[in-house]
């Protein structure tokens, strides 16, 4: 069965929701890390999930370049199209930048990154010790705040399209959502 030009491909859908689930897992892992007293396995898992998000986002970006997204609804205002595109670009930047800053921080501090106990992910050739690692972590934490803002815009926009505009935008990425009736 051919993909509809008004829907995202199965590959795009799978990557989108897998990355979304991994981002949610990151929130849970950070909260568990902050609540932990004593030995902490959660930060190791956080790093491995972050590397996974980085790799999947690069795959998704490559897929997106070779398989463009469906066109936005013609009835959307120009400013809405701009905000939608800027939010999507920002999310891609953060899904690459957040894992990179974490990777850079671990590398600067000389802290190994175990990929779910399977192998050690290679550290980047940066030094500087704890001070430089702290600077990368400051950027990492600032990027997390930017991520929250973009997620609110992204989810809020999807809900607006579903319940106010009723223009089928949410159905394109979440096929279980029925096409709204006007």
Protein backbone atom coordinates (compact mmCIF):
# COMPACT_ATOMS: atom_id res chain seq x y z
CA UNK A 1 0.00 0.00 0.00
CA UNK A 2 1.46 3.39 -0.98
CA UNK A 3 1.97 6.11 1.61
CA UNK A 4 -0.48 8.99 1.46
CA UNK A 5 1.05 12.38 0.57
CA UNK A 6 -0.90 13.77 3.55
CA UNK A 7 0.66 11.35 6.05
CA UNK A 8 4.15 10.74 7.33
CA UNK A 9 5.82 7.49 6.29
CA UNK A 10 5.94 4.48 8.60
CA UNK A 11 9.67 5.12 9.08
CA UNK A 12 9.03 8.75 10.09
CA UNK A 13 6.24 7.71 12.47
CA UNK A 14 8.37 5.02 14.08
CA UNK A 15 11.38 7.29 14.56
CA UNK A 16 9.25 10.18 15.86
CA UNK A 17 7.48 8.11 18.52
CA UNK A 18 10.56 6.11 19.48
CA UNK A 19 12.55 9.30 20.06
CA UNK A 20 9.60 10.82 21.95
CA UNK A 21 9.47 7.75 24.23
CA UNK A 22 13.22 7.96 24.80
CA UNK A 23 12.95 11.66 25.70
CA UNK A 24 10.28 10.73 28.25
CA UNK A 25 12.61 8.02 29.56
CA UNK A 26 15.30 10.68 29.97
CA UNK A 27 13.00 12.76 32.18
CA UNK A 28 12.26 9.70 34.31
CA UNK A 29 15.94 8.73 34.54
CA UNK A 30 17.01 12.23 35.59
CA UNK A 31 14.30 12.32 38.27
CA UNK A 32 15.36 8.89 39.53
CA UNK A 33 19.01 10.03 39.50
CA UNK A 34 18.17 13.11 41.56
CA UNK A 35 16.25 11.00 44.10
CA UNK A 36 18.99 8.37 44.40
CA UNK A 37 21.21 8.13 47.43
CA UNK A 38 24.33 6.03 47.12
CA UNK A 39 25.41 4.18 43.95
CA UNK A 40 23.52 5.54 40.98
CA UNK A 41 22.90 3.40 37.90
CA UNK A 42 20.46 5.92 36.44
CA UNK A 43 23.02 8.40 35.10
CA UNK A 44 24.69 5.60 33.13
CA UNK A 45 21.36 4.68 31.58
CA UNK A 46 20.69 8.39 30.95
CA UNK A 47 23.94 8.63 28.99
CA UNK A 48 23.19 5.47 26.95
CA UNK A 49 19.66 6.65 26.15
CA UNK A 50 21.09 10.04 25.15
CA UNK A 51 23.51 8.40 22.71
CA UNK A 52 20.59 6.39 21.32
CA UNK A 53 18.58 9.59 20.84
CA UNK A 54 21.55 11.17 19.03
CA UNK A 55 21.93 8.23 16.63
CA UNK A 56 18.19 7.91 15.98
CA UNK A 57 17.87 11.67 15.40
CA UNK A 58 20.67 11.59 12.84
CA UNK A 59 18.91 8.67 11.12
CA UNK A 60 15.63 10.56 11.26
CA UNK A 61 17.21 13.71 9.85
CA UNK A 62 18.72 11.71 6.98
CA UNK A 63 15.33 10.10 6.34
CA UNK A 64 13.61 13.49 6.47
CA UNK A 65 16.03 14.98 3.95
CA UNK A 66 15.41 12.16 1.50
CA UNK A 67 11.67 11.88 2.32
CA UNK A 68 10.22 15.37 2.85
CA UNK A 69 7.35 15.89 5.26
CA UNK A 70 3.82 16.30 3.93
CA UNK A 71 2.91 19.88 3.11
CA UNK A 72 1.35 21.94 5.85
CA UNK A 73 -2.34 22.75 5.35
CA UNK A 74 -2.85 25.53 2.80
CA UNK A 75 -5.21 27.31 5.21
CA UNK A 76 -2.45 27.78 7.81
CA UNK A 77 -1.36 31.36 8.32
CA UNK A 78 2.21 32.23 7.30
CA UNK A 79 3.20 32.92 10.89
CA UNK A 80 1.89 29.49 11.94
CA UNK A 81 3.94 27.80 9.24
CA UNK A 82 7.00 29.73 10.38
CA UNK A 83 6.48 28.75 14.03
CA UNK A 84 5.87 25.12 13.05
CA UNK A 85 9.05 24.94 10.97
CA UNK A 86 11.14 26.84 13.53
CA UNK A 87 9.91 24.53 16.29
CA UNK A 88 10.76 21.43 14.24
CA UNK A 89 14.24 22.76 13.39
CA UNK A 90 14.77 23.67 17.05
CA UNK A 91 13.76 20.17 18.15
CA UNK A 92 16.23 18.62 15.70
CA UNK A 93 18.99 20.94 16.94
CA UNK A 94 18.25 20.02 20.56
CA UNK A 95 17.91 16.27 19.88
CA UNK A 96 21.45 16.47 18.48
CA UNK A 97 22.83 19.18 20.78
CA UNK A 98 21.66 17.73 24.09
CA UNK A 99 23.37 14.36 23.64
CA UNK A 100 26.45 16.08 22.22
CA UNK A 101 26.85 18.39 25.21
CA UNK A 102 26.40 15.44 27.57
CA UNK A 103 28.95 13.44 25.57
CA UNK A 104 31.34 16.41 25.62
CA UNK A 105 30.91 16.81 29.39
CA UNK A 106 31.65 13.12 30.01
CA UNK A 107 34.62 13.31 27.66
CA UNK A 108 36.06 16.44 29.27
CA UNK A 109 35.77 14.85 32.71
CA UNK A 110 37.20 11.55 31.46
CA UNK A 111 34.08 9.65 32.54
CA UNK A 112 33.31 6.53 30.56
CA UNK A 113 30.01 6.11 28.78
CA UNK A 114 28.83 2.52 28.95
CA UNK A 115 26.29 1.74 26.27
CA UNK A 116 23.86 -0.33 28.35
CA UNK A 117 26.79 -2.48 29.55
CA UNK A 118 27.41 -3.76 26.02
CA UNK A 119 30.49 -1.66 25.21
CA UNK A 120 32.08 1.66 26.08
CA UNK A 121 31.07 4.50 23.79
CA UNK A 122 34.23 6.35 22.68
CA UNK A 123 34.97 9.63 24.41
CA UNK A 124 35.58 12.74 22.33
CA UNK A 125 39.10 14.20 22.23
CA UNK A 126 38.45 17.08 24.63
CA UNK A 127 40.13 17.81 27.91
CA UNK A 128 39.75 20.40 30.58
CA UNK A 129 38.60 18.25 33.45
CA UNK A 130 35.75 19.10 35.77
CA UNK A 131 35.75 22.82 34.96
CA UNK A 132 35.19 22.33 31.23
CA UNK A 133 32.79 19.45 31.91
CA UNK A 134 30.81 21.81 34.15
CA UNK A 135 30.60 24.36 31.37
CA UNK A 136 29.27 21.74 28.97
CA UNK A 137 26.75 20.67 31.62
CA UNK A 138 25.61 24.28 32.03
CA UNK A 139 24.88 24.38 28.29
CA UNK A 140 23.21 20.95 28.56
CA UNK A 141 20.90 22.17 31.34
CA UNK A 142 20.05 25.37 29.45
CA UNK A 143 19.23 23.27 26.37
CA UNK A 144 16.87 21.15 28.49
CA UNK A 145 14.94 24.32 29.37
CA UNK A 146 14.76 25.24 25.68
CA UNK A 147 13.54 21.70 24.96
CA UNK A 148 10.64 22.13 27.40
CA UNK A 149 9.61 25.34 25.65
CA UNK A 150 9.72 23.72 22.21
CA UNK A 151 7.86 20.64 23.41
CA UNK A 152 5.07 22.82 24.78
CA UNK A 153 4.88 24.63 21.42
CA UNK A 154 5.00 21.35 19.49
CA UNK A 155 2.36 19.53 21.53
CA UNK A 156 0.24 22.65 21.97
CA UNK A 157 0.31 23.24 18.21
CA UNK A 158 -0.71 19.65 17.51
CA UNK A 159 -3.63 19.91 19.95
CA UNK A 160 -4.69 23.27 18.50
CA UNK A 161 -4.78 21.75 15.03
CA UNK A 162 -6.80 18.78 16.26
CA UNK A 163 -9.39 20.51 18.41
CA UNK A 164 -9.61 24.09 17.13
CA UNK A 165 -8.54 24.07 13.48
CA UNK A 166 -9.71 20.47 12.89
CA UNK A 167 -7.36 20.24 9.92
CA UNK A 168 -6.01 16.67 10.20
CA UNK A 169 -2.46 17.68 11.20
CA UNK A 170 -2.34 15.46 14.30
CA UNK A 171 -3.72 12.47 12.40
CA UNK A 172 -0.74 12.67 10.01
CA UNK A 173 1.68 11.80 12.83
CA UNK A 174 -0.65 9.83 15.11
CA UNK A 175 -2.80 7.57 12.93
CA UNK A 176 -4.90 6.30 15.86
CA UNK A 177 -6.37 9.79 16.23
CA UNK A 178 -9.51 10.02 14.12
CA UNK A 179 -9.76 12.62 11.40
CA UNK A 180 -11.68 15.49 12.99
CA UNK A 181 -15.04 16.52 11.64
CA UNK A 182 -15.56 20.18 10.94
